[in-house]
Amino acid sequence: MADTFYNQIADNRRKSVLLALVVVLLFGALGFSIGYAISGDVTGAIAAMGIAIGIGALLALGSYFGGDSLVLSVSGAKEVDLTTAPQLMNVVQELAISANVPMPKVYVIDDTAPNAFATGRDPKHASVAITTGLLEKLDREELQGVIGHELSHVRNLDIRFAMIVGVLVGSIALLADFFLRFTFWGGGRRSSRDREGGGGLQIVFFVIAIVLSIVAPIVARFVQLAVNRQREYLADASSVGLTRNPYGLERALAKISADPEVLEVANRATQHMYFTNPIKKFEERATGLFSTHPATVDRINRLRELTGEQPLAPAEMAQLAGLD
């Protein structure tokens, strides 16, 4: 079991880093090609890429220092302590010790739909938010599995990692939109004479820039979703390492995914942060082509690999596949 557990963690980390590098390369390629298409020389291309990276860095700083407070406020989360939520605080404390991270701030969201998320820029500035529905519907072992998962996000710096990828994806979309608008409103025509003087290479980069401006935001979004899914697998495996109990986490996954209640405070900007996708398939707002989370069936089957158990039976798979 230990060998399989550490193999899963190592494999998920490698995949996440590789996917993040794809987004970085897309951003750099888009900035360079737009710069060369507009300026016609390497110096201008590098300058444009530097400006794009600078804007992305400013956006990242804003998210780094203020993103967690905004998410907690939008979610209606209220901070609790040992007096107001003793059992919850006890579970978080024991798992924080197990994970070797500082005790995070603990918040409760008044909503009957069971779910949870972690936020913060690092373990010293972390917060965990849990819905009242999660506390009411899960037993202690299941709650430990969920809290272990969220504290694994904190320990693995998943929130920071996801924030950086998210800012890069947003920056790619902004840069692509700028160039397409610039071209549409005549920027391309105004520089056509320069391109003729500069040779065919500038024309080639102009075409490349247009193609990348259309394709790069779509590819980057797909990569972002893939990164999120890999980090969820990693947090599941890490949770088992903290609790030494895959069964509590497995039961929690099944119970939360099968629950039909809708988490009203969740939205498209925050849905990737939750333990399971808070936006159910039957909701009108569930219009995306790809989920921010792996399928619950896949997550449970990966946990079963750790203990050598058989995958879920077809009937169980059909039941769990209906909502998430």
C-alpha atoms as a PDB file:
ATOM      1  CA  MET A   1       0.000   0.000   0.000  1.00  0.00           C
ATOM      2  CA  ALA A   2       2.801   2.455   0.923  1.00  0.00           C
ATOM      3  CA  ASP A   3       4.555   1.984  -2.420  1.00  0.00           C
ATOM      4  CA  THR A   4       1.329   2.602  -4.326  1.00  0.00           C
ATOM      5  CA  PHE A   5       0.534   5.639  -2.157  1.00  0.00           C
ATOM      6  CA  TYR A   6       3.878   7.377  -2.752  1.00  0.00           C
ATOM      7  CA  ASN A   7       3.836   6.442  -6.435  1.00  0.00           C
ATOM      8  CA  GLN A   8       0.447   8.154  -6.819  1.00  0.00           C
ATOM      9  CA  ILE A   9       1.727  11.312  -5.119  1.00  0.00           C
ATOM     10  CA  ALA A  10       4.905  11.457  -7.236  1.00  0.00           C
ATOM     11  CA  ASP A  11       2.984  10.802 -10.463  1.00  0.00           C
ATOM     12  CA  ASN A  12       0.382  13.489  -9.736  1.00  0.00           C
ATOM     13  CA  ARG A  13       3.060  16.056  -8.866  1.00  0.00           C
ATOM     14  CA  ARG A  14       4.957  15.397 -12.095  1.00  0.00           C
ATOM     15  CA  LYS A  15       1.814  15.741 -14.184  1.00  0.00           C
ATOM     16  CA  SER A  16       0.782  18.970 -12.439  1.00  0.00           C
ATOM     17  CA  VAL A  17       4.185  20.598 -12.960  1.00  0.00           C
ATOM     18  CA  LEU A  18       4.282  19.562 -16.630  1.00  0.00           C
ATOM     19  CA  LEU A  19       0.790  20.946 -17.224  1.00  0.00           C
ATOM     20  CA  ALA A  20       1.714  24.236 -15.534  1.00  0.00           C
ATOM     21  CA  LEU A  21       4.810  24.480 -17.747  1.00  0.00           C
ATOM     22  CA  VAL A  22       2.557  24.141 -20.796  1.00  0.00           C
ATOM     23  CA  VAL A  23       0.620  27.237 -19.666  1.00  0.00           C
ATOM     24  CA  VAL A  24       3.862  29.175 -19.072  1.00  0.00           C
ATOM     25  CA  LEU A  25       5.160  28.241 -22.541  1.00  0.00           C
ATOM     26  CA  LEU A  26       1.832  29.238 -24.117  1.00  0.00           C
ATOM     27  CA  PHE A  27       1.996  32.623 -22.393  1.00  0.00           C
ATOM     28  CA  GLY A  28       5.577  33.211 -23.494  1.00  0.00           C
ATOM     29  CA  ALA A  29       4.935  32.087 -27.073  1.00  0.00           C
ATOM     30  CA  LEU A  30       1.854  34.290 -27.379  1.00  0.00           C
ATOM     31  CA  GLY A  31       3.637  37.359 -25.985  1.00  0.00           C
ATOM     32  CA  PHE A  32       6.692  36.874 -28.214  1.00  0.00           C
ATOM     33  CA  SER A  33       4.701  36.260 -31.405  1.00  0.00           C
ATOM     34  CA  ILE A  34       2.454  39.288 -30.813  1.00  0.00           C
ATOM     35  CA  GLY A  35       5.491  41.463 -30.095  1.00  0.00           C
ATOM     36  CA  TYR A  36       7.258  40.336 -33.280  1.00  0.00           C
ATOM     37  CA  ALA A  37       4.091  40.697 -35.355  1.00  0.00           C
ATOM     38  CA  ILE A  38       3.672  44.306 -34.217  1.00  0.00           C
ATOM     39  CA  SER A  39       7.297  45.455 -34.074  1.00  0.00           C
ATOM     40  CA  GLY A  40       8.999  43.260 -36.671  1.00  0.00           C
ATOM     41  CA  ASP A  41      12.130  42.614 -34.592  1.00  0.00           C
ATOM     42  CA  VAL A  42      13.313  40.407 -31.737  1.00  0.00           C
ATOM     43  CA  THR A  43      13.859  43.333 -29.349  1.00  0.00           C
ATOM     44  CA  GLY A  44      10.246  44.416 -29.683  1.00  0.00           C
ATOM     45  CA  ALA A  45       9.065  40.831 -29.262  1.00  0.00           C
ATOM     46  CA  ILE A  46      11.035  40.411 -26.028  1.00  0.00           C
ATOM     47  CA  ALA A  47       9.766  43.785 -24.749  1.00  0.00           C
ATOM     48  CA  ALA A  48       6.146  42.803 -25.439  1.00  0.00           C
ATOM     49  CA  MET A  49       6.664  39.492 -23.669  1.00  0.00           C
ATOM     50  CA  GLY A  50       8.149  41.348 -20.686  1.00  0.00           C
ATOM     51  CA  ILE A  51       5.174  43.714 -20.494  1.00  0.00           C
ATOM     52  CA  ALA A  52       2.758  40.789 -20.607  1.00  0.00           C
ATOM     53  CA  ILE A  53       4.649  38.995 -17.839  1.00  0.00           C
ATOM     54  CA  GLY A  54       4.681  42.200 -15.761  1.00  0.00           C
ATOM     55  CA  ILE A  55       0.911  42.578 -16.025  1.00  0.00           C
ATOM     56  CA  GLY A  56       0.472  38.929 -15.105  1.00  0.00           C
ATOM     57  CA  ALA A  57       2.743  39.433 -12.071  1.00  0.00           C
ATOM     58  CA  LEU A  58       0.654  42.399 -10.858  1.00  0.00           C
ATOM     59  CA  LEU A  59      -2.538  40.346 -11.156  1.00  0.00           C
ATOM     60  CA  ALA A  60      -0.858  37.505  -9.288  1.00  0.00           C
ATOM     61  CA  LEU A  61       0.170  39.827  -6.441  1.00  0.00           C
ATOM     62  CA  GLY A  62      -3.410  41.030  -6.056  1.00  0.00           C
ATOM     63  CA  SER A  63      -4.675  37.460  -5.831  1.00  0.00           C
ATOM     64  CA  TYR A  64      -1.792  36.430  -3.563  1.00  0.00           C
ATOM     65  CA  PHE A  65      -2.538  38.975  -0.842  1.00  0.00           C
ATOM     66  CA  GLY A  66      -6.304  39.430  -1.134  1.00  0.00           C
ATOM     67  CA  GLY A  67      -7.775  36.413  -2.888  1.00  0.00           C
ATOM     68  CA  ASP A  68      -8.519  34.338   0.222  1.00  0.00           C
ATOM     69  CA  SER A  69     -10.407  37.124   2.023  1.00  0.00           C
ATOM     70  CA  LEU A  70     -12.513  37.754  -1.068  1.00  0.00           C
ATOM     71  CA  VAL A  71     -13.404  34.063  -1.489  1.00  0.00           C
ATOM     72  CA  LEU A  72     -14.370  33.668   2.178  1.00  0.00           C
ATOM     73  CA  SER A  73     -16.497  36.824   2.054  1.00  0.00           C
ATOM     74  CA  VAL A  74     -18.277  35.818  -1.147  1.00  0.00           C
ATOM     75  CA  SER A  75     -18.957  32.365   0.343  1.00  0.00           C
ATOM     76  CA  GLY A  76     -20.562  33.808   3.473  1.00  0.00           C
ATOM     77  CA  ALA A  77     -18.048  32.009   5.724  1.00  0.00           C
ATOM     78  CA  LYS A  78     -18.017  32.798   9.462  1.00  0.00           C
ATOM     79  CA  GLU A  79     -14.989  32.051  11.636  1.00  0.00           C
ATOM     80  CA  VAL A  80     -15.463  29.566  14.492  1.00  0.00           C
ATOM     81  CA  ASP A  81     -13.395  28.468  17.501  1.00  0.00           C
ATOM     82  CA  LEU A  82     -13.251  25.760  20.181  1.00  0.00           C
ATOM     83  CA  THR A  83     -16.262  27.255  21.939  1.00  0.00           C
ATOM     84  CA  THR A  84     -18.598  27.387  18.938  1.00  0.00           C
ATOM     85  CA  ALA A  85     -17.428  24.258  17.032  1.00  0.00           C
ATOM     86  CA  PRO A  86     -15.437  21.985  19.405  1.00  0.00           C
ATOM     87  CA  GLN A  87     -15.603  18.728  17.395  1.00  0.00           C
ATOM     88  CA  LEU A  88     -14.657  20.412  14.127  1.00  0.00           C
ATOM     89  CA  MET A  89     -11.775  22.309  15.746  1.00  0.00           C
ATOM     90  CA  ASN A  90     -10.554  19.099  17.374  1.00  0.00           C
ATOM     91  CA  VAL A  91     -10.460  17.264  14.028  1.00  0.00           C
ATOM     92  CA  VAL A  92      -8.676  20.158  12.308  1.00  0.00           C
ATOM     93  CA  GLN A  93      -6.139  20.417  15.135  1.00  0.00           C
ATOM     94  CA  GLU A  94      -5.219  16.726  15.109  1.00  0.00           C
ATOM     95  CA  LEU A  95      -4.842  16.636  11.331  1.00  0.00           C
ATOM     96  CA  ALA A  96      -2.864  19.891  11.269  1.00  0.00           C
ATOM     97  CA  ILE A  97      -0.424  18.230  13.670  1.00  0.00           C
ATOM     98  CA  SER A  98      -0.322  15.134  11.461  1.00  0.00           C
ATOM     99  CA  ALA A  99       0.318  17.279   8.363  1.00  0.00           C
ATOM    100  CA  ASN A 100       2.943  19.340  10.239  1.00  0.00           C
ATOM    101  CA  VAL A 101       1.288  22.635   9.287  1.00  0.00           C
ATOM    102  CA  PRO A 102       0.211  25.547  11.508  1.00  0.00           C
ATOM    103  CA  MET A 103      -3.373  25.481  12.738  1.00  0.00           C
ATOM    104  CA  PRO A 104      -5.426  27.211  10.027  1.00  0.00           C
ATOM    105  CA  LYS A 105      -8.338  29.534  10.651  1.00  0.00           C
ATOM    106  CA  VAL A 106     -11.578  27.569  10.533  1.00  0.00           C
ATOM    107  CA  TYR A 107     -14.793  28.876   8.990  1.00  0.00           C
ATOM    108  CA  VAL A 108     -18.316  27.509   8.680  1.00  0.00           C
ATOM    109  CA  ILE A 109     -20.694  28.239   5.787  1.00  0.00           C
ATOM    110  CA  ASP A 110     -24.379  28.090   6.712  1.00  0.00           C
ATOM    111  CA  ASP A 111     -25.564  25.798   3.912  1.00  0.00           C
ATOM    112  CA  THR A 112     -27.110  22.322   4.049  1.00  0.00           C
ATOM    113  CA  ALA A 113     -25.199  21.079   0.983  1.00  0.00           C
ATOM    114  CA  PRO A 114     -22.142  19.145   2.243  1.00  0.00           C
ATOM    115  CA  ASN A 115     -18.808  20.511   0.991  1.00  0.00           C
ATOM    116  CA  ALA A 116     -15.575  22.223   2.044  1.00  0.00           C
ATOM    117  CA  PHE A 117     -12.594  24.133   0.674  1.00  0.00           C
ATOM    118  CA  ALA A 118      -9.195  25.483   1.731  1.00  0.00           C
ATOM    119  CA  THR A 119      -7.701  28.832   0.790  1.00  0.00           C
ATOM    120  CA  GLY A 120      -4.689  30.992   1.616  1.00  0.00           C
ATOM    121  CA  ARG A 121      -1.299  31.821   0.120  1.00  0.00           C
ATOM    122  CA  ASP A 122       0.743  29.467   2.337  1.00  0.00           C
ATOM    123  CA  PRO A 123       0.391  27.224   5.419  1.00  0.00           C
ATOM    124  CA  LYS A 124       0.934  30.209   7.755  1.00  0.00           C
ATOM    125  CA  HIS A 125      -1.957  32.118   6.168  1.00  0.00           C
ATOM    126  CA  ALA A 126      -4.385  29.270   5.493  1.00  0.00           C
ATOM    127  CA  SER A 127      -8.099  28.911   6.138  1.00  0.00           C
ATOM    128  CA  VAL A 128     -10.459  25.956   5.915  1.00  0.00           C
ATOM    129  CA  ALA A 129     -14.188  26.452   5.306  1.00  0.00           C
ATOM    130  CA  ILE A 130     -16.789  23.730   5.941  1.00  0.00           C
ATOM    131  CA  THR A 131     -20.524  23.833   5.322  1.00  0.00           C
ATOM    132  CA  THR A 132     -23.005  23.063   8.105  1.00  0.00           C
ATOM    133  CA  GLY A 133     -24.360  20.314   5.844  1.00  0.00           C
ATOM    134  CA  LEU A 134     -20.980  18.575   5.915  1.00  0.00           C
ATOM    135  CA  LEU A 135     -20.908  18.642   9.710  1.00  0.00           C
ATOM    136  CA  GLU A 136     -24.451  17.297   9.957  1.00  0.00           C
ATOM    137  CA  LYS A 137     -24.233  14.524   7.361  1.00  0.00           C
ATOM    138  CA  LEU A 138     -20.753  13.040   7.852  1.00  0.00           C
ATOM    139  CA  ASP A 139     -19.472  10.953  10.754  1.00  0.00           C
ATOM    140  CA  ARG A 140     -16.096  11.641  12.366  1.00  0.00           C
ATOM    141  CA  GLU A 141     -14.058   9.332  10.092  1.00  0.00           C
ATOM    142  CA  GLU A 142     -15.631  10.847   6.978  1.00  0.00           C
ATOM    143  CA  LEU A 143     -15.020  14.364   8.328  1.00  0.00           C
ATOM    144  CA  GLN A 144     -11.380  13.441   8.970  1.00  0.00           C
ATOM    145  CA  GLY A 145     -11.042  12.309   5.356  1.00  0.00           C
ATOM    146  CA  VAL A 146     -12.384  15.628   4.049  1.00  0.00           C
ATOM    147  CA  ILE A 147     -10.318  17.784   6.435  1.00  0.00           C
ATOM    148  CA  GLY A 148      -7.236  15.695   5.605  1.00  0.00           C
ATOM    149  CA  HIS A 149      -7.877  16.389   1.920  1.00  0.00           C
ATOM    150  CA  GLU A 150      -8.174  20.147   2.492  1.00  0.00           C
ATOM    151  CA  LEU A 151      -5.112  20.342   4.746  1.00  0.00           C
ATOM    152  CA  SER A 152      -3.215  18.396   2.079  1.00  0.00           C
ATOM    153  CA  HIS A 153      -4.064  21.226  -0.315  1.00  0.00           C
ATOM    154  CA  VAL A 154      -2.548  23.604   2.256  1.00  0.00           C
ATOM    155  CA  ARG A 155       0.580  21.513   2.865  1.00  0.00           C
ATOM    156  CA  ASN A 156       1.143  20.851  -0.856  1.00  0.00           C
ATOM    157  CA  LEU A 157       0.711  24.590  -1.645  1.00  0.00           C
ATOM    158  CA  ASP A 158      -2.071  23.665  -4.060  1.00  0.00           C
ATOM    159  CA  ILE A 159      -3.954  26.932  -3.493  1.00  0.00           C
ATOM    160  CA  ARG A 160      -0.915  28.990  -4.477  1.00  0.00           C
ATOM    161  CA  PHE A 161      -0.203  26.656  -7.388  1.00  0.00           C
ATOM    162  CA  ALA A 162      -3.790  26.908  -8.669  1.00  0.00           C
ATOM    163  CA  MET A 163      -3.726  30.692  -8.234  1.00  0.00           C
ATOM    164  CA  ILE A 164      -0.572  31.062 -10.334  1.00  0.00           C
ATOM    165  CA  VAL A 165      -1.983  28.867 -13.100  1.00  0.00           C
ATOM    166  CA  GLY A 166      -5.312  30.715 -12.929  1.00  0.00           C
ATOM    167  CA  VAL A 167      -3.623  34.119 -13.257  1.00  0.00           C
ATOM    168  CA  LEU A 168      -1.563  32.876 -16.217  1.00  0.00           C
ATOM    169  CA  VAL A 169      -4.694  31.558 -17.913  1.00  0.00           C
ATOM    170  CA  GLY A 170      -6.455  34.878 -17.335  1.00  0.00           C
ATOM    171  CA  SER A 171      -3.435  36.794 -18.633  1.00  0.00           C
ATOM    172  CA  ILE A 172      -3.367  34.674 -21.779  1.00  0.00           C
ATOM    173  CA  ALA A 173      -7.030  35.485 -22.384  1.00  0.00           C
ATOM    174  CA  LEU A 174      -6.447  39.229 -21.841  1.00  0.00           C
ATOM    175  CA  LEU A 175      -3.391  39.312 -24.116  1.00  0.00           C
ATOM    176  CA  ALA A 176      -5.152  37.357 -26.866  1.00  0.00           C
ATOM    177  CA  ASP A 177      -8.214  39.610 -26.642  1.00  0.00           C
ATOM    178  CA  PHE A 178      -6.024  42.726 -26.889  1.00  0.00           C
ATOM    179  CA  PHE A 179      -4.254  41.508 -30.022  1.00  0.00           C
ATOM    180  CA  LEU A 180      -7.447  40.400 -31.767  1.00  0.00           C
ATOM    181  CA  ARG A 181      -9.091  43.763 -31.038  1.00  0.00           C
ATOM    182  CA  PHE A 182      -5.936  45.563 -32.168  1.00  0.00           C
ATOM    183  CA  THR A 183      -6.017  43.629 -35.449  1.00  0.00           C
ATOM    184  CA  PHE A 184      -9.776  44.079 -35.929  1.00  0.00           C
ATOM    185  CA  TRP A 185      -9.635  47.850 -35.417  1.00  0.00           C
ATOM    186  CA  GLY A 186      -6.893  48.322 -38.004  1.00  0.00           C
ATOM    187  CA  GLY A 187      -3.658  47.701 -36.139  1.00  0.00           C
ATOM    188  CA  GLY A 188      -2.738  44.955 -38.568  1.00  0.00           C
ATOM    189  CA  ARG A 189      -3.489  47.112 -41.598  1.00  0.00           C
ATOM    190  CA  ARG A 190      -1.525  50.076 -40.238  1.00  0.00           C
ATOM    191  CA  SER A 191       1.557  47.932 -39.810  1.00  0.00           C
ATOM    192  CA  SER A 192       1.238  46.163 -43.169  1.00  0.00           C
ATOM    193  CA  ARG A 193       3.724  48.514 -44.791  1.00  0.00           C
ATOM    194  CA  ASP A 194       6.208  47.818 -42.015  1.00  0.00           C
ATOM    195  CA  ARG A 195       5.752  44.072 -42.492  1.00  0.00           C
ATOM    196  CA  GLU A 196       6.440  44.438 -46.224  1.00  0.00           C
ATOM    197  CA  GLY A 197       9.652  46.263 -45.402  1.00  0.00           C
ATOM    198  CA  GLY A 198      10.592  43.807 -42.702  1.00  0.00           C
ATOM    199  CA  GLY A 199      10.264  40.731 -44.851  1.00  0.00           C
ATOM    200  CA  GLY A 200       8.197  37.583 -44.734  1.00  0.00           C
ATOM    201  CA  LEU A 201       9.184  36.603 -41.186  1.00  0.00           C
ATOM    202  CA  GLN A 202       7.005  39.331 -39.665  1.00  0.00           C
ATOM    203  CA  ILE A 203       4.065  38.170 -41.781  1.00  0.00           C
ATOM    204  CA  VAL A 204       4.615  34.619 -40.556  1.00  0.00           C
ATOM    205  CA  PHE A 205       4.630  35.785 -36.914  1.00  0.00           C
ATOM    206  CA  PHE A 206       1.520  37.870 -37.535  1.00  0.00           C
ATOM    207  CA  VAL A 207      -0.326  34.747 -38.706  1.00  0.00           C
ATOM    208  CA  ILE A 208       1.083  32.741 -35.789  1.00  0.00           C
ATOM    209  CA  ALA A 209      -0.048  35.445 -33.363  1.00  0.00           C
ATOM    210  CA  ILE A 210      -3.602  35.389 -34.731  1.00  0.00           C
ATOM    211  CA  VAL A 211      -3.770  31.595 -34.518  1.00  0.00           C
ATOM    212  CA  LEU A 212      -2.348  31.564 -30.990  1.00  0.00           C
ATOM    213  CA  SER A 213      -4.720  34.341 -29.903  1.00  0.00           C
ATOM    214  CA  ILE A 214      -7.640  32.110 -30.871  1.00  0.00           C
ATOM    215  CA  VAL A 215      -6.276  28.748 -29.733  1.00  0.00           C
ATOM    216  CA  ALA A 216      -4.118  29.578 -26.693  1.00  0.00           C
ATOM    217  CA  PRO A 217      -6.946  30.684 -24.317  1.00  0.00           C
ATOM    218  CA  ILE A 218      -8.888  27.488 -25.069  1.00  0.00           C
ATOM    219  CA  VAL A 219      -5.851  25.236 -24.627  1.00  0.00           C
ATOM    220  CA  ALA A 220      -4.832  27.090 -21.451  1.00  0.00           C
ATOM    221  CA  ARG A 221      -8.302  26.622 -19.957  1.00  0.00           C
ATOM    222  CA  PHE A 222      -8.214  22.896 -20.704  1.00  0.00           C
ATOM    223  CA  VAL A 223      -4.771  22.659 -19.102  1.00  0.00           C
ATOM    224  CA  GLN A 224      -6.018  24.571 -16.035  1.00  0.00           C
ATOM    225  CA  LEU A 225      -8.851  22.076 -15.606  1.00  0.00           C
ATOM    226  CA  ALA A 226      -6.411  19.190 -15.993  1.00  0.00           C
ATOM    227  CA  VAL A 227      -4.108  20.740 -13.354  1.00  0.00           C
ATOM    228  CA  ASN A 228      -7.053  21.091 -10.951  1.00  0.00           C
ATOM    229  CA  ARG A 229      -7.987  17.452 -11.435  1.00  0.00           C
ATOM    230  CA  GLN A 230      -4.421  16.264 -10.811  1.00  0.00           C
ATOM    231  CA  ARG A 231      -4.237  18.312  -7.605  1.00  0.00           C
ATOM    232  CA  GLU A 232      -7.477  16.706  -6.388  1.00  0.00           C
ATOM    233  CA  TYR A 233      -6.018  13.235  -6.936  1.00  0.00           C
ATOM    234  CA  LEU A 234      -2.890  14.340  -5.075  1.00  0.00           C
ATOM    235  CA  ALA A 235      -4.898  15.710  -2.123  1.00  0.00           C
ATOM    236  CA  ASP A 236      -6.892  12.457  -1.910  1.00  0.00           C
ATOM    237  CA  ALA A 237      -3.709  10.400  -1.754  1.00  0.00           C
ATOM    238  CA  SER A 238      -2.144  12.815   0.756  1.00  0.00           C
ATOM    239  CA  SER A 239      -5.264  12.662   2.947  1.00  0.00           C
ATOM    240  CA  VAL A 240      -4.904   8.903   3.188  1.00  0.00           C
ATOM    241  CA  GLY A 241      -1.297   9.460   4.256  1.00  0.00           C
ATOM    242  CA  LEU A 242      -2.475  11.725   7.095  1.00  0.00           C
ATOM    243  CA  THR A 243      -5.426   9.680   8.336  1.00  0.00           C
ATOM    244  CA  ARG A 244      -4.160   6.184   7.395  1.00  0.00           C
ATOM    245  CA  ASN A 245      -7.803   5.476   6.624  1.00  0.00           C
ATOM    246  CA  PRO A 246      -8.913   5.460   2.960  1.00  0.00           C
ATOM    247  CA  TYR A 247     -12.388   4.208   3.904  1.00  0.00           C
ATOM    248  CA  GLY A 248     -13.501   7.412   5.619  1.00  0.00           C
ATOM    249  CA  LEU A 249     -12.517   9.488   2.595  1.00  0.00           C
ATOM    250  CA  GLU A 250     -14.152   6.996   0.220  1.00  0.00           C
ATOM    251  CA  ARG A 251     -17.438   7.108   2.144  1.00  0.00           C
ATOM    252  CA  ALA A 252     -17.287  10.915   2.284  1.00  0.00           C
ATOM    253  CA  LEU A 253     -16.811  11.142  -1.488  1.00  0.00           C
ATOM    254  CA  ALA A 254     -19.772   8.850  -2.136  1.00  0.00           C
ATOM    255  CA  LYS A 255     -22.021  10.586   0.381  1.00  0.00           C
ATOM    256  CA  ILE A 256     -21.256  14.148  -0.767  1.00  0.00           C
ATOM    257  CA  SER A 257     -21.527  13.330  -4.483  1.00  0.00           C
ATOM    258  CA  ALA A 258     -24.846  11.524  -4.012  1.00  0.00           C
ATOM    259  CA  ASP A 259     -26.319  14.423  -2.032  1.00  0.00           C
ATOM    260  CA  PRO A 260     -28.766  16.324  -4.288  1.00  0.00           C
ATOM    261  CA  GLU A 261     -28.692  19.626  -2.410  1.00  0.00           C
ATOM    262  CA  VAL A 262     -27.292  22.647  -4.246  1.00  0.00           C
ATOM    263  CA  LEU A 263     -24.571  24.835  -2.737  1.00  0.00           C
ATOM    264  CA  GLU A 264     -25.971  28.270  -3.520  1.00  0.00           C
ATOM    265  CA  VAL A 265     -22.888  30.309  -2.562  1.00  0.00           C
ATOM    266  CA  ALA A 266     -20.638  28.489  -5.030  1.00  0.00           C
ATOM    267  CA  ASN A 267     -20.034  29.946  -8.494  1.00  0.00           C
ATOM    268  CA  ARG A 268     -17.847  29.357 -11.531  1.00  0.00           C
ATOM    269  CA  ALA A 269     -15.006  31.398 -10.047  1.00  0.00           C
ATOM    270  CA  THR A 270     -14.865  29.350  -6.820  1.00  0.00           C
ATOM    271  CA  GLN A 271     -16.140  25.902  -7.822  1.00  0.00           C
ATOM    272  CA  HIS A 272     -12.643  24.506  -8.453  1.00  0.00           C
ATOM    273  CA  MET A 273     -11.724  25.121  -4.795  1.00  0.00           C
ATOM    274  CA  TYR A 274     -14.288  22.789  -3.240  1.00  0.00           C
ATOM    275  CA  PHE A 275     -13.827  19.188  -2.097  1.00  0.00           C
ATOM    276  CA  THR A 276     -16.209  18.000  -4.812  1.00  0.00           C
ATOM    277  CA  ASN A 277     -17.746  20.010  -7.645  1.00  0.00           C
ATOM    278  CA  PRO A 278     -20.486  22.069  -5.935  1.00  0.00           C
ATOM    279  CA  ILE A 279     -22.325  22.685  -9.207  1.00  0.00           C
ATOM    280  CA  LYS A 280     -24.477  19.656  -9.968  1.00  0.00           C
ATOM    281  CA  LYS A 281     -25.153  18.363 -13.472  1.00  0.00           C
ATOM    282  CA  PHE A 282     -28.884  19.104 -13.281  1.00  0.00           C
ATOM    283  CA  GLU A 283     -28.361  22.821 -12.533  1.00  0.00           C
ATOM    284  CA  GLU A 284     -28.818  25.468 -15.218  1.00  0.00           C
ATOM    285  CA  ARG A 285     -25.396  26.929 -14.408  1.00  0.00           C
ATOM    286  CA  ALA A 286     -23.717  23.562 -15.162  1.00  0.00           C
ATOM    287  CA  THR A 287     -23.023  24.381 -18.804  1.00  0.00           C
ATOM    288  CA  GLY A 288     -19.258  23.821 -18.974  1.00  0.00           C
ATOM    289  CA  LEU A 289     -17.834  21.146 -21.252  1.00  0.00           C
ATOM    290  CA  PHE A 290     -15.306  19.949 -18.677  1.00  0.00           C
ATOM    291  CA  SER A 291     -15.520  19.500 -14.923  1.00  0.00           C
ATOM    292  CA  THR A 292     -13.140  21.210 -12.518  1.00  0.00           C
ATOM    293  CA  HIS A 293     -12.908  17.933 -10.536  1.00  0.00           C
ATOM    294  CA  PRO A 294     -12.206  14.314 -11.421  1.00  0.00           C
ATOM    295  CA  ALA A 295     -15.273  12.088 -11.466  1.00  0.00           C
ATOM    296  CA  THR A 296     -16.095  10.746  -8.012  1.00  0.00           C
ATOM    297  CA  VAL A 297     -16.015   7.214  -9.422  1.00  0.00           C
ATOM    298  CA  ASP A 298     -12.401   7.700 -10.533  1.00  0.00           C
ATOM    299  CA  ARG A 299     -11.396   9.188  -7.184  1.00  0.00           C
ATOM    300  CA  ILE A 300     -12.936   6.280  -5.261  1.00  0.00           C
ATOM    301  CA  ASN A 301     -11.391   3.678  -7.552  1.00  0.00           C
ATOM    302  CA  ARG A 302      -7.959   5.258  -7.065  1.00  0.00           C
ATOM    303  CA  LEU A 303      -8.444   5.004  -3.299  1.00  0.00           C
ATOM    304  CA  ARG A 304      -9.409   1.353  -3.717  1.00  0.00           C
ATOM    305  CA  GLU A 305      -6.153   0.739  -5.578  1.00  0.00           C
ATOM    306  CA  LEU A 306      -4.330   1.720  -2.395  1.00  0.00           C
ATOM    307  CA  THR A 307      -5.970  -1.112  -0.448  1.00  0.00           C
ATOM    308  CA  GLY A 308      -6.057  -3.642  -3.272  1.00  0.00           C
ATOM    309  CA  GLU A 309      -9.856  -3.668  -3.419  1.00  0.00           C
ATOM    310  CA  GLN A 310     -11.929  -4.228  -6.525  1.00  0.00           C
ATOM    311  CA  PRO A 311     -13.222  -1.124  -8.370  1.00  0.00           C
ATOM    312  CA  LEU A 312     -16.798  -0.028  -7.859  1.00  0.00           C
ATOM    313  CA  ALA A 313     -19.468  -2.286  -9.304  1.00  0.00           C
ATOM    314  CA  PRO A 314     -21.347  -1.010 -12.395  1.00  0.00           C
ATOM    315  CA  ALA A 315     -24.498  -0.326 -10.341  1.00  0.00           C
ATOM    316  CA  GLU A 316     -22.532   1.752  -7.818  1.00  0.00           C
ATOM    317  CA  MET A 317     -20.797   3.629 -10.637  1.00  0.00           C
ATOM    318  CA  ALA A 318     -24.106   4.463 -12.292  1.00  0.00           C
ATOM    319  CA  GLN A 319     -25.519   5.769  -9.019  1.00  0.00           C
ATOM    320  CA  LEU A 320     -22.548   8.072  -8.340  1.00  0.00           C
ATOM    321  CA  ALA A 321     -22.219   9.297 -11.922  1.00  0.00           C
ATOM    322  CA  GLY A 322     -25.629  10.941 -11.910  1.00  0.00           C
ATOM    323  CA  LEU A 323     -24.856  14.169 -10.071  1.00  0.00           C
ATOM    324  CA  ASP A 324     -21.203  15.262 -10.085  1.00  0.00           C
END
